[in-house]
Amino acid sequence: MDVSTVITFYSLLALAGIVILAWFAVMRLASFFADGIAVGFAGIRERLAPFAVTAAWAVALLAAAGSLYFSESANYVPCTLCWYQRIAMYPLVLILGIAILRRDTSVRLYAIPLAAIGAVISTYHWFLERFPELDYGACSSGIPCTQKWFEEFGFIPIPFLALVAFGLIITFLLIPPLRGSADDVTVDDDDQDDELEDEAEPAG
């Protein structure tokens, strides 16, 4: 696959990500004003809950793979802000992957802040490429942070790809995990305790 094909592929993924983010935002906003929408949105989130962490991990993996391709194969030398975004993105692949294996829903507590930091840096980097006067010395050496390696569809450069990825990760992780399994275990344990007490009581 040549570089232009990879750029188009990731840009199309970004467009799909924008649609997903916009849909979640509109549904969330509408749910405050219409009970029917709120119920339907809650039902959709409940069905998506078992796959939320996996979806976030897949986004992080694709983003990390893309950044490595652009720097190692396309020879797009990363600037300082690009490295900061990588520092936020790369650990998410490992953290979320381990959480999937361990079924650790508490991963949201430390993955969301990390993704949020990356999203802030990506937003600043994206604006910096469009408005170089916003540079406050973040890239004082090496490749300038205003360098645009590409801008697909007229508005999608590399920082925007990262921003959409961070936004999707946050959105998926904000889907609340399914509840009930721990309660079921508690109820079963209580029932077992009651049965043991009944058996321990003397007959008559």
N, C-alpha and C. Protein backbone atom coordinates (compact mmCIF):
# COMPACT_ATOMS: atom_id res chain seq x y z
N MET A 1 0.84 -1.19 0.00
CA MET A 1 0.00 0.00 0.00
C MET A 1 0.89 1.25 0.00
N ASP A 2 0.61 2.19 -0.91
CA ASP A 2 1.41 3.40 -0.94
C ASP A 2 0.90 4.40 0.09
N VAL A 3 1.65 5.48 0.28
CA VAL A 3 1.36 6.45 1.34
C VAL A 3 0.00 7.12 1.12
N SER A 4 -0.30 7.48 -0.12
CA SER A 4 -1.56 8.17 -0.39
C SER A 4 -2.76 7.29 -0.05
N THR A 5 -2.64 5.98 -0.29
CA THR A 5 -3.73 5.06 0.05
C THR A 5 -3.93 4.98 1.56
N VAL A 6 -2.83 4.93 2.29
CA VAL A 6 -2.92 4.89 3.76
C VAL A 6 -3.52 6.18 4.29
N ILE A 7 -3.12 7.30 3.72
CA ILE A 7 -3.68 8.59 4.15
C ILE A 7 -5.19 8.62 3.92
N THR A 8 -5.61 8.18 2.74
CA THR A 8 -7.04 8.15 2.44
C THR A 8 -7.78 7.20 3.37
N PHE A 9 -7.19 6.05 3.65
CA PHE A 9 -7.80 5.07 4.55
C PHE A 9 -8.04 5.65 5.94
N TYR A 10 -7.00 6.25 6.50
CA TYR A 10 -7.14 6.83 7.84
C TYR A 10 -8.06 8.05 7.85
N SER A 11 -8.05 8.79 6.77
CA SER A 11 -8.94 9.95 6.70
C SER A 11 -10.40 9.51 6.63
N LEU A 12 -10.68 8.44 5.91
CA LEU A 12 -12.04 7.90 5.86
C LEU A 12 -12.45 7.37 7.23
N LEU A 13 -11.51 6.74 7.93
CA LEU A 13 -11.80 6.30 9.29
C LEU A 13 -12.12 7.51 10.18
N ALA A 14 -11.39 8.61 9.98
CA ALA A 14 -11.65 9.82 10.75
C ALA A 14 -13.05 10.37 10.47
N LEU A 15 -13.45 10.34 9.20
CA LEU A 15 -14.80 10.81 8.86
C LEU A 15 -15.86 9.93 9.54
N ALA A 16 -15.64 8.62 9.53
CA ALA A 16 -16.56 7.72 10.23
C ALA A 16 -16.57 8.02 11.72
N GLY A 17 -15.39 8.31 12.27
CA GLY A 17 -15.30 8.65 13.69
C GLY A 17 -16.05 9.93 14.02
N ILE A 18 -15.98 10.91 13.12
CA ILE A 18 -16.71 12.16 13.33
C ILE A 18 -18.21 11.90 13.37
N VAL A 19 -18.69 11.04 12.48
CA VAL A 19 -20.11 10.69 12.46
C VAL A 19 -20.52 10.04 13.78
N ILE A 20 -19.69 9.12 14.27
CA ILE A 20 -19.99 8.43 15.53
C ILE A 20 -20.00 9.42 16.69
N LEU A 21 -19.01 10.29 16.75
CA LEU A 21 -18.95 11.27 17.82
C LEU A 21 -20.14 12.23 17.77
N ALA A 22 -20.49 12.67 16.56
CA ALA A 22 -21.63 13.58 16.42
C ALA A 22 -22.92 12.89 16.84
N TRP A 23 -23.08 11.61 16.47
CA TRP A 23 -24.30 10.88 16.85
C TRP A 23 -24.41 10.75 18.36
N PHE A 24 -23.32 10.39 19.02
CA PHE A 24 -23.35 10.28 20.47
C PHE A 24 -23.67 11.63 21.12
N ALA A 25 -23.09 12.70 20.60
CA ALA A 25 -23.32 14.02 21.17
C ALA A 25 -24.77 14.45 21.00
N VAL A 26 -25.32 14.25 19.80
CA VAL A 26 -26.71 14.63 19.54
C VAL A 26 -27.67 13.81 20.40
N MET A 27 -27.44 12.50 20.46
CA MET A 27 -28.31 11.64 21.26
C MET A 27 -28.23 11.99 22.74
N ARG A 28 -27.04 12.28 23.20
CA ARG A 28 -26.88 12.66 24.61
C ARG A 28 -27.62 13.95 24.92
N LEU A 29 -27.49 14.92 24.03
CA LEU A 29 -28.16 16.20 24.22
C LEU A 29 -29.68 16.03 24.14
N ALA A 30 -30.14 15.27 23.15
CA ALA A 30 -31.58 15.08 22.97
C ALA A 30 -32.20 14.31 24.12
N SER A 31 -31.42 13.44 24.76
CA SER A 31 -31.96 12.64 25.85
C SER A 31 -32.34 13.48 27.06
N PHE A 32 -31.80 14.70 27.14
CA PHE A 32 -32.17 15.59 28.25
C PHE A 32 -33.55 16.20 28.04
N PHE A 33 -34.04 16.17 26.82
CA PHE A 33 -35.30 16.86 26.50
C PHE A 33 -36.42 15.90 26.12
N ALA A 34 -36.11 14.66 25.83
CA ALA A 34 -37.15 13.69 25.42
C ALA A 34 -36.92 12.37 26.14
N ASP A 35 -37.90 11.96 26.92
CA ASP A 35 -37.77 10.72 27.68
C ASP A 35 -37.63 9.51 26.77
N GLY A 36 -38.35 9.52 25.65
CA GLY A 36 -38.28 8.39 24.73
C GLY A 36 -36.88 8.21 24.17
N ILE A 37 -36.25 9.33 23.80
CA ILE A 37 -34.88 9.27 23.29
C ILE A 37 -33.93 8.83 24.40
N ALA A 38 -34.16 9.31 25.61
CA ALA A 38 -33.30 8.93 26.73
C ALA A 38 -33.34 7.42 26.97
N VAL A 39 -34.55 6.85 26.92
CA VAL A 39 -34.70 5.41 27.12
C VAL A 39 -34.02 4.63 26.00
N GLY A 40 -34.25 5.08 24.77
CA GLY A 40 -33.63 4.40 23.63
C GLY A 40 -32.12 4.51 23.65
N PHE A 41 -31.61 5.69 24.00
CA PHE A 41 -30.16 5.89 24.07
C PHE A 41 -29.54 5.03 25.16
N ALA A 42 -30.23 4.94 26.30
CA ALA A 42 -29.74 4.10 27.40
C ALA A 42 -29.69 2.63 26.97
N GLY A 43 -30.70 2.20 26.21
CA GLY A 43 -30.73 0.82 25.73
C GLY A 43 -29.59 0.53 24.77
N ILE A 44 -29.29 1.48 23.89
CA ILE A 44 -28.19 1.30 22.94
C ILE A 44 -26.86 1.24 23.68
N ARG A 45 -26.69 2.12 24.65
CA ARG A 45 -25.45 2.11 25.43
C ARG A 45 -25.30 0.81 26.21
N GLU A 46 -26.41 0.29 26.69
CA GLU A 46 -26.34 -0.98 27.43
C GLU A 46 -25.91 -2.12 26.52
N ARG A 47 -26.40 -2.10 25.28
CA ARG A 47 -26.00 -3.15 24.33
C ARG A 47 -24.53 -3.00 23.91
N LEU A 48 -24.05 -1.77 23.89
CA LEU A 48 -22.66 -1.53 23.50
C LEU A 48 -21.68 -1.73 24.64
N ALA A 49 -22.16 -1.73 25.87
CA ALA A 49 -21.30 -1.79 27.05
C ALA A 49 -20.30 -2.94 27.03
N PRO A 50 -20.70 -4.18 26.65
CA PRO A 50 -19.72 -5.28 26.68
C PRO A 50 -18.56 -5.10 25.71
N PHE A 51 -18.74 -4.24 24.71
CA PHE A 51 -17.71 -4.08 23.68
C PHE A 51 -16.98 -2.73 23.78
N ALA A 52 -17.32 -1.92 24.77
CA ALA A 52 -16.80 -0.55 24.84
C ALA A 52 -15.28 -0.51 24.99
N VAL A 53 -14.74 -1.26 25.93
CA VAL A 53 -13.29 -1.24 26.15
C VAL A 53 -12.56 -1.81 24.94
N THR A 54 -13.12 -2.86 24.35
CA THR A 54 -12.50 -3.45 23.16
C THR A 54 -12.48 -2.46 22.00
N ALA A 55 -13.58 -1.73 21.84
CA ALA A 55 -13.63 -0.72 20.77
C ALA A 55 -12.61 0.38 21.01
N ALA A 56 -12.47 0.82 22.26
CA ALA A 56 -11.47 1.84 22.59
C ALA A 56 -10.06 1.33 22.31
N TRP A 57 -9.82 0.06 22.66
CA TRP A 57 -8.50 -0.53 22.41
C TRP A 57 -8.22 -0.59 20.91
N ALA A 58 -9.21 -0.97 20.10
CA ALA A 58 -9.03 -1.07 18.66
C ALA A 58 -8.68 0.29 18.06
N VAL A 59 -9.34 1.34 18.55
CA VAL A 59 -9.04 2.69 18.07
C VAL A 59 -7.61 3.07 18.43
N ALA A 60 -7.21 2.80 19.67
CA ALA A 60 -5.84 3.12 20.10
C ALA A 60 -4.81 2.35 19.28
N LEU A 61 -5.10 1.09 19.00
CA LEU A 61 -4.18 0.26 18.21
C LEU A 61 -4.04 0.80 16.79
N LEU A 62 -5.15 1.15 16.16
CA LEU A 62 -5.11 1.71 14.81
C LEU A 62 -4.35 3.03 14.78
N ALA A 63 -4.59 3.86 15.80
CA ALA A 63 -3.90 5.16 15.86
C ALA A 63 -2.41 4.98 16.04
N ALA A 64 -2.02 4.07 16.92
CA ALA A 64 -0.58 3.82 17.15
C ALA A 64 0.07 3.26 15.89
N ALA A 65 -0.60 2.32 15.24
CA ALA A 65 -0.06 1.73 14.01
C ALA A 65 0.08 2.79 12.92
N GLY A 66 -0.91 3.67 12.82
CA GLY A 66 -0.85 4.72 11.82
C GLY A 66 0.30 5.69 12.06
N SER A 67 0.48 6.07 13.32
CA SER A 67 1.57 7.01 13.62
C SER A 67 2.93 6.39 13.32
N LEU A 68 3.08 5.11 13.62
CA LEU A 68 4.34 4.42 13.32
C LEU A 68 4.56 4.31 11.82
N TYR A 69 3.48 4.07 11.07
CA TYR A 69 3.61 3.98 9.60
C TYR A 69 4.07 5.33 9.03
N PHE A 70 3.42 6.40 9.48
CA PHE A 70 3.76 7.71 8.93
C PHE A 70 5.19 8.12 9.24
N SER A 71 5.69 7.75 10.41
CA SER A 71 7.05 8.15 10.77
C SER A 71 8.11 7.18 10.24
N GLU A 72 7.82 5.88 10.25
CA GLU A 72 8.83 4.90 9.89
C GLU A 72 8.81 4.52 8.41
N SER A 73 7.63 4.52 7.79
CA SER A 73 7.52 4.14 6.37
C SER A 73 7.40 5.35 5.46
N ALA A 74 6.55 6.31 5.86
CA ALA A 74 6.38 7.50 5.03
C ALA A 74 7.44 8.55 5.31
N ASN A 75 8.22 8.34 6.38
CA ASN A 75 9.30 9.26 6.75
C ASN A 75 8.80 10.66 7.10
N TYR A 76 7.63 10.73 7.72
CA TYR A 76 7.12 12.00 8.25
C TYR A 76 7.69 12.14 9.66
N VAL A 77 8.71 12.95 9.79
CA VAL A 77 9.40 13.08 11.08
C VAL A 77 8.47 13.75 12.09
N PRO A 78 8.22 13.10 13.23
CA PRO A 78 7.31 13.68 14.23
C PRO A 78 7.92 14.89 14.93
N CYS A 79 7.07 15.88 15.18
CA CYS A 79 7.52 17.06 15.91
C CYS A 79 7.34 16.82 17.41
N THR A 80 7.63 17.82 18.20
CA THR A 80 7.54 17.68 19.66
C THR A 80 6.11 17.36 20.10
N LEU A 81 5.12 18.07 19.55
CA LEU A 81 3.73 17.82 19.92
C LEU A 81 3.27 16.45 19.46
N CYS A 82 3.81 15.99 18.33
CA CYS A 82 3.49 14.63 17.87
C CYS A 82 3.96 13.61 18.90
N TRP A 83 5.14 13.83 19.45
CA TRP A 83 5.66 12.91 20.47
C TRP A 83 4.81 12.94 21.73
N TYR A 84 4.36 14.13 22.11
CA TYR A 84 3.49 14.22 23.29
C TYR A 84 2.20 13.42 23.08
N GLN A 85 1.66 13.50 21.86
CA GLN A 85 0.44 12.75 21.57
C GLN A 85 0.71 11.24 21.58
N ARG A 86 1.88 10.85 21.11
CA ARG A 86 2.26 9.44 21.15
C ARG A 86 2.40 8.96 22.60
N ILE A 87 2.96 9.82 23.44
CA ILE A 87 3.11 9.45 24.85
C ILE A 87 1.75 9.18 25.49
N ALA A 88 0.72 9.89 25.03
CA ALA A 88 -0.62 9.67 25.55
C ALA A 88 -1.30 8.47 24.89
N MET A 89 -1.00 8.21 23.61
CA MET A 89 -1.72 7.16 22.87
C MET A 89 -1.12 5.77 23.07
N TYR A 90 0.19 5.65 22.97
CA TYR A 90 0.80 4.32 22.99
C TYR A 90 0.50 3.53 24.26
N PRO A 91 0.58 4.13 25.46
CA PRO A 91 0.25 3.36 26.66
C PRO A 91 -1.19 2.84 26.68
N LEU A 92 -2.09 3.54 25.99
CA LEU A 92 -3.49 3.12 25.97
C LEU A 92 -3.64 1.75 25.30
N VAL A 93 -2.80 1.46 24.32
CA VAL A 93 -2.87 0.15 23.66
C VAL A 93 -2.60 -0.95 24.68
N LEU A 94 -1.57 -0.76 25.50
CA LEU A 94 -1.20 -1.76 26.50
C LEU A 94 -2.20 -1.78 27.66
N ILE A 95 -2.55 -0.61 28.16
CA ILE A 95 -3.45 -0.52 29.31
C ILE A 95 -4.82 -1.13 28.99
N LEU A 96 -5.38 -0.74 27.85
CA LEU A 96 -6.71 -1.25 27.48
C LEU A 96 -6.65 -2.73 27.12
N GLY A 97 -5.54 -3.15 26.50
CA GLY A 97 -5.39 -4.57 26.18
C GLY A 97 -5.38 -5.44 27.43
N ILE A 98 -4.64 -5.00 28.44
CA ILE A 98 -4.60 -5.74 29.70
C ILE A 98 -5.98 -5.73 30.37
N ALA A 99 -6.66 -4.58 30.30
CA ALA A 99 -7.99 -4.48 30.90
C ALA A 99 -8.97 -5.45 30.25
N ILE A 100 -8.85 -5.65 28.94
CA ILE A 100 -9.73 -6.60 28.25
C ILE A 100 -9.48 -8.01 28.76
N LEU A 101 -8.21 -8.37 28.90
CA LEU A 101 -7.87 -9.72 29.37
C LEU A 101 -8.32 -9.94 30.80
N ARG A 102 -8.22 -8.90 31.62
CA ARG A 102 -8.57 -9.03 33.03
C ARG A 102 -10.03 -8.66 33.31
N ARG A 103 -10.72 -8.21 32.25
CA ARG A 103 -12.11 -7.74 32.41
C ARG A 103 -12.20 -6.66 33.48
N ASP A 104 -11.27 -5.73 33.39
CA ASP A 104 -11.15 -4.67 34.38
C ASP A 104 -11.90 -3.44 33.91
N THR A 105 -13.11 -3.24 34.39
CA THR A 105 -13.90 -2.07 33.98
C THR A 105 -13.40 -0.79 34.63
N SER A 106 -12.60 -0.89 35.69
CA SER A 106 -12.08 0.30 36.34
C SER A 106 -10.99 0.98 35.52
N VAL A 107 -10.60 0.39 34.40
CA VAL A 107 -9.59 1.00 33.53
C VAL A 107 -10.03 2.38 33.08
N ARG A 108 -11.33 2.63 33.06
CA ARG A 108 -11.83 3.94 32.65
C ARG A 108 -11.27 5.06 33.52
N LEU A 109 -11.02 4.77 34.79
CA LEU A 109 -10.59 5.79 35.74
C LEU A 109 -9.23 6.38 35.38
N TYR A 110 -8.36 5.60 34.76
CA TYR A 110 -7.05 6.13 34.41
C TYR A 110 -6.82 6.23 32.91
N ALA A 111 -7.64 5.56 32.10
CA ALA A 111 -7.48 5.66 30.64
C ALA A 111 -8.12 6.95 30.11
N ILE A 112 -9.27 7.33 30.67
CA ILE A 112 -9.94 8.54 30.19
C ILE A 112 -9.09 9.79 30.42
N PRO A 113 -8.51 10.00 31.62
CA PRO A 113 -7.65 11.18 31.79
C PRO A 113 -6.47 11.21 30.83
N LEU A 114 -5.87 10.05 30.57
CA LEU A 114 -4.75 9.99 29.64
C LEU A 114 -5.19 10.38 28.23
N ALA A 115 -6.34 9.86 27.81
CA ALA A 115 -6.87 10.20 26.48
C ALA A 115 -7.27 11.67 26.41
N ALA A 116 -7.79 12.21 27.51
CA ALA A 116 -8.19 13.62 27.53
C ALA A 116 -6.98 14.53 27.37
N ILE A 117 -5.87 14.18 28.03
CA ILE A 117 -4.64 14.96 27.87
C ILE A 117 -4.19 14.93 26.41
N GLY A 118 -4.23 13.75 25.80
CA GLY A 118 -3.86 13.63 24.39
C GLY A 118 -4.78 14.45 23.49
N ALA A 119 -6.08 14.47 23.81
CA ALA A 119 -7.04 15.23 23.01
C ALA A 119 -6.76 16.73 23.07
N VAL A 120 -6.38 17.21 24.26
CA VAL A 120 -6.05 18.64 24.40
C VAL A 120 -4.83 18.99 23.56
N ILE A 121 -3.81 18.15 23.62
CA ILE A 121 -2.59 18.40 22.84
C ILE A 121 -2.90 18.34 21.34
N SER A 122 -3.71 17.36 20.92
CA SER A 122 -4.07 17.24 19.50
C SER A 122 -4.84 18.46 19.02
N THR A 123 -5.76 18.94 19.87
CA THR A 123 -6.54 20.13 19.51
C THR A 123 -5.62 21.33 19.31
N TYR A 124 -4.72 21.54 20.25
CA TYR A 124 -3.77 22.65 20.13
C TYR A 124 -2.90 22.51 18.89
N HIS A 125 -2.43 21.29 18.64
CA HIS A 125 -1.57 21.05 17.47
C HIS A 125 -2.33 21.32 16.17
N TRP A 126 -3.58 20.88 16.11
CA TRP A 126 -4.40 21.09 14.92
C TRP A 126 -4.60 22.59 14.65
N PHE A 127 -4.93 23.34 15.72
CA PHE A 127 -5.10 24.79 15.56
C PHE A 127 -3.79 25.46 15.23
N LEU A 128 -2.69 24.94 15.80
CA LEU A 128 -1.38 25.53 15.54
C LEU A 128 -0.99 25.41 14.08
N GLU A 129 -1.34 24.28 13.45
CA GLU A 129 -1.04 24.12 12.02
C GLU A 129 -1.84 25.11 11.18
N ARG A 130 -3.02 25.47 11.62
CA ARG A 130 -3.86 26.40 10.87
C ARG A 130 -3.56 27.85 11.22
N PHE A 131 -3.13 28.08 12.46
CA PHE A 131 -2.84 29.44 12.92
C PHE A 131 -1.46 29.44 13.60
N PRO A 132 -0.40 29.52 12.81
CA PRO A 132 0.97 29.44 13.36
C PRO A 132 1.26 30.48 14.43
N GLU A 133 0.50 31.57 14.44
CA GLU A 133 0.76 32.61 15.44
C GLU A 133 0.41 32.15 16.86
N LEU A 134 -0.24 30.99 16.98
CA LEU A 134 -0.57 30.44 18.30
C LEU A 134 0.61 29.72 18.94
N ASP A 135 1.73 29.65 18.23
CA ASP A 135 2.89 28.93 18.76
C ASP A 135 3.52 29.72 19.91
N TYR A 136 3.58 29.07 21.08
CA TYR A 136 4.18 29.69 22.26
C TYR A 136 5.49 29.00 22.63
N GLY A 137 6.17 28.45 21.64
CA GLY A 137 7.47 27.86 21.88
C GLY A 137 7.42 26.37 22.17
N ALA A 138 6.31 25.71 21.84
CA ALA A 138 6.21 24.27 22.10
C ALA A 138 7.20 23.49 21.25
N CYS A 139 7.48 24.00 20.05
CA CYS A 139 8.42 23.32 19.16
C CYS A 139 9.55 24.30 18.82
N SER A 140 10.40 24.54 19.77
CA SER A 140 11.49 25.49 19.56
C SER A 140 12.67 24.88 18.82
N SER A 141 12.68 23.54 18.71
CA SER A 141 13.78 22.88 18.01
C SER A 141 13.25 21.71 17.19
N GLY A 142 14.04 21.28 16.20
CA GLY A 142 13.63 20.15 15.38
C GLY A 142 12.56 20.53 14.36
N ILE A 143 11.72 19.56 14.01
CA ILE A 143 10.66 19.79 13.04
C ILE A 143 9.64 20.76 13.62
N PRO A 144 9.28 21.82 12.90
CA PRO A 144 8.28 22.77 13.43
C PRO A 144 6.91 22.11 13.55
N CYS A 145 6.18 22.48 14.59
CA CYS A 145 4.86 21.90 14.81
C CYS A 145 3.83 22.42 13.81
N THR A 146 4.20 23.43 13.04
CA THR A 146 3.30 23.96 12.02
C THR A 146 3.46 23.21 10.69
N GLN A 147 4.38 22.25 10.65
CA GLN A 147 4.61 21.47 9.42
C GLN A 147 3.40 20.58 9.12
N LYS A 148 2.81 20.73 7.92
CA LYS A 148 1.70 19.88 7.49
C LYS A 148 2.23 18.85 6.49
N TRP A 149 2.23 17.61 6.89
CA TRP A 149 2.67 16.56 5.97
C TRP A 149 1.59 16.25 4.95
N PHE A 150 0.35 16.40 5.33
CA PHE A 150 -0.78 16.26 4.40
C PHE A 150 -2.00 16.89 5.06
N GLU A 151 -3.01 17.15 4.26
CA GLU A 151 -4.29 17.67 4.77
C GLU A 151 -5.39 17.11 3.85
N GLU A 152 -5.82 15.91 4.15
CA GLU A 152 -6.78 15.21 3.31
C GLU A 152 -8.16 15.86 3.43
N PHE A 153 -8.88 15.91 2.31
CA PHE A 153 -10.22 16.48 2.24
C PHE A 153 -10.25 17.95 2.69
N GLY A 154 -9.09 18.57 2.73
CA GLY A 154 -9.03 19.99 3.05
C GLY A 154 -9.03 20.34 4.53
N PHE A 155 -9.15 19.35 5.42
CA PHE A 155 -9.18 19.69 6.85
C PHE A 155 -8.66 18.58 7.76
N ILE A 156 -8.15 17.49 7.21
CA ILE A 156 -7.71 16.37 8.05
C ILE A 156 -6.19 16.17 7.93
N PRO A 157 -5.43 16.82 8.81
CA PRO A 157 -3.99 16.52 8.92
C PRO A 157 -3.78 15.47 10.02
N ILE A 158 -2.54 15.17 10.31
CA ILE A 158 -2.23 14.15 11.31
C ILE A 158 -2.79 14.47 12.69
N PRO A 159 -2.65 15.72 13.19
CA PRO A 159 -3.19 16.00 14.53
C PRO A 159 -4.70 15.78 14.62
N PHE A 160 -5.42 16.02 13.52
CA PHE A 160 -6.86 15.81 13.53
C PHE A 160 -7.19 14.33 13.63
N LEU A 161 -6.39 13.49 12.95
CA LEU A 161 -6.58 12.05 13.08
C LEU A 161 -6.44 11.63 14.54
N ALA A 162 -5.42 12.17 15.21
CA ALA A 162 -5.20 11.83 16.62
C ALA A 162 -6.34 12.34 17.48
N LEU A 163 -6.83 13.55 17.19
CA LEU A 163 -7.93 14.12 17.96
C LEU A 163 -9.18 13.26 17.89
N VAL A 164 -9.52 12.82 16.68
CA VAL A 164 -10.70 11.95 16.52
C VAL A 164 -10.51 10.64 17.27
N ALA A 165 -9.29 10.09 17.20
CA ALA A 165 -9.01 8.84 17.90
C ALA A 165 -9.18 9.01 19.41
N PHE A 166 -8.61 10.07 19.97
CA PHE A 166 -8.76 10.31 21.40
C PHE A 166 -10.23 10.53 21.77
N GLY A 167 -10.95 11.25 20.91
CA GLY A 167 -12.37 11.49 21.17
C GLY A 167 -13.17 10.20 21.19
N LEU A 168 -12.88 9.30 20.25
CA LEU A 168 -13.58 8.01 20.21
C LEU A 168 -13.25 7.17 21.45
N ILE A 169 -11.99 7.16 21.84
CA ILE A 169 -11.59 6.38 23.02
C ILE A 169 -12.34 6.88 24.25
N ILE A 170 -12.38 8.19 24.43
CA ILE A 170 -13.10 8.76 25.57
C ILE A 170 -14.58 8.41 25.51
N THR A 171 -15.17 8.54 24.33
CA THR A 171 -16.61 8.27 24.17
C THR A 171 -16.94 6.82 24.49
N PHE A 172 -16.15 5.90 23.97
CA PHE A 172 -16.40 4.48 24.25
C PHE A 172 -16.22 4.16 25.73
N LEU A 173 -15.21 4.75 26.34
CA LEU A 173 -14.95 4.45 27.75
C LEU A 173 -15.97 5.11 28.68
N LEU A 174 -16.67 6.12 28.19
CA LEU A 174 -17.72 6.75 28.98
C LEU A 174 -19.01 5.94 29.00
N ILE A 175 -19.09 4.92 28.14
CA ILE A 175 -20.24 4.02 28.19
C ILE A 175 -20.15 3.22 29.48
N PRO A 176 -21.14 3.34 30.37
CA PRO A 176 -21.03 2.66 31.68
C PRO A 176 -21.03 1.15 31.52
N PRO A 177 -20.20 0.46 32.31
CA PRO A 177 -20.18 -1.01 32.22
C PRO A 177 -21.48 -1.61 32.73
N LEU A 178 -21.77 -2.81 32.26
CA LEU A 178 -22.97 -3.50 32.72
C LEU A 178 -22.85 -3.80 34.20
N ARG A 179 -23.96 -3.64 34.91
CA ARG A 179 -23.98 -3.94 36.32
C ARG A 179 -24.87 -5.14 36.57
N GLY A 180 -24.67 -5.77 37.70
CA GLY A 180 -25.54 -6.90 38.05
C GLY A 180 -24.77 -8.16 38.33
N SER A 181 -23.62 -8.33 37.65
CA SER A 181 -22.88 -9.57 37.85
C SER A 181 -22.36 -9.68 39.28
N ALA A 182 -21.82 -8.58 39.81
CA ALA A 182 -21.32 -8.62 41.18
C ALA A 182 -22.45 -8.81 42.17
N ASP A 183 -23.62 -8.17 41.90
CA ASP A 183 -24.77 -8.33 42.78
C ASP A 183 -25.27 -9.75 42.77
N ASP A 184 -25.25 -10.36 41.57
CA ASP A 184 -25.71 -11.74 41.47
C ASP A 184 -24.84 -12.66 42.32
N VAL A 185 -23.53 -12.40 42.27
CA VAL A 185 -22.62 -13.22 43.06
C VAL A 185 -22.89 -13.05 44.54
N THR A 186 -23.17 -11.79 44.94
CA THR A 186 -23.45 -11.52 46.34
C THR A 186 -24.69 -12.23 46.80
N VAL A 187 -25.73 -12.19 45.94
CA VAL A 187 -26.97 -12.86 46.29
C VAL A 187 -26.75 -14.36 46.43
N ASP A 188 -25.99 -14.93 45.49
CA ASP A 188 -25.72 -16.36 45.56
C ASP A 188 -24.97 -16.72 46.83
N ASP A 189 -24.00 -15.88 47.21
CA ASP A 189 -23.24 -16.14 48.43
C ASP A 189 -24.12 -16.07 49.65
N ASP A 190 -25.06 -15.10 49.65
CA ASP A 190 -25.98 -15.00 50.78
C ASP A 190 -26.86 -16.22 50.89
N ASP A 191 -27.35 -16.70 49.72
CA ASP A 191 -28.19 -17.89 49.71
C ASP A 191 -27.43 -19.09 50.25
N GLN A 192 -26.13 -19.18 49.85
CA GLN A 192 -25.32 -20.30 50.32
C GLN A 192 -25.14 -20.24 51.83
N ASP A 193 -24.94 -19.03 52.36
CA ASP A 193 -24.78 -18.88 53.81
C ASP A 193 -26.04 -19.29 54.55
N ASP A 194 -27.21 -18.90 53.99
CA ASP A 194 -28.49 -19.28 54.61
C ASP A 194 -28.66 -20.78 54.62
N GLU A 195 -28.28 -21.43 53.51
CA GLU A 195 -28.42 -22.88 53.44
C GLU A 195 -27.53 -23.59 54.45
N LEU A 196 -26.30 -23.06 54.60
CA LEU A 196 -25.37 -23.65 55.57
C LEU A 196 -25.89 -23.49 57.00
N GLU A 197 -26.50 -22.32 57.28
CA GLU A 197 -27.05 -22.10 58.62
C GLU A 197 -28.21 -23.04 58.88
N ASP A 198 -29.07 -23.26 57.85
CA ASP A 198 -30.20 -24.17 58.02
C ASP A 198 -29.72 -25.58 58.30
N GLU A 199 -28.64 -25.99 57.58
CA GLU A 199 -28.12 -27.33 57.76
C GLU A 199 -27.48 -27.50 59.15
N ALA A 200 -26.93 -26.40 59.65
CA ALA A 200 -26.25 -26.46 60.94
C ALA A 200 -27.22 -26.51 62.10
N GLU A 201 -28.48 -26.03 61.91
CA GLU A 201 -29.45 -26.04 62.99
C GLU A 201 -29.86 -27.48 63.30
N PRO A 202 -29.95 -27.86 64.60
CA PRO A 202 -30.36 -29.20 64.96
C PRO A 202 -31.82 -29.45 64.61
N ALA A 203 -32.12 -30.67 64.19
CA ALA A 203 -33.49 -31.03 63.81
C ALA A 203 -34.36 -31.13 65.05
N GLY A 204 -35.66 -30.87 64.93
CA GLY A 204 -36.59 -31.00 66.04
C GLY A 204 -36.85 -29.66 66.65
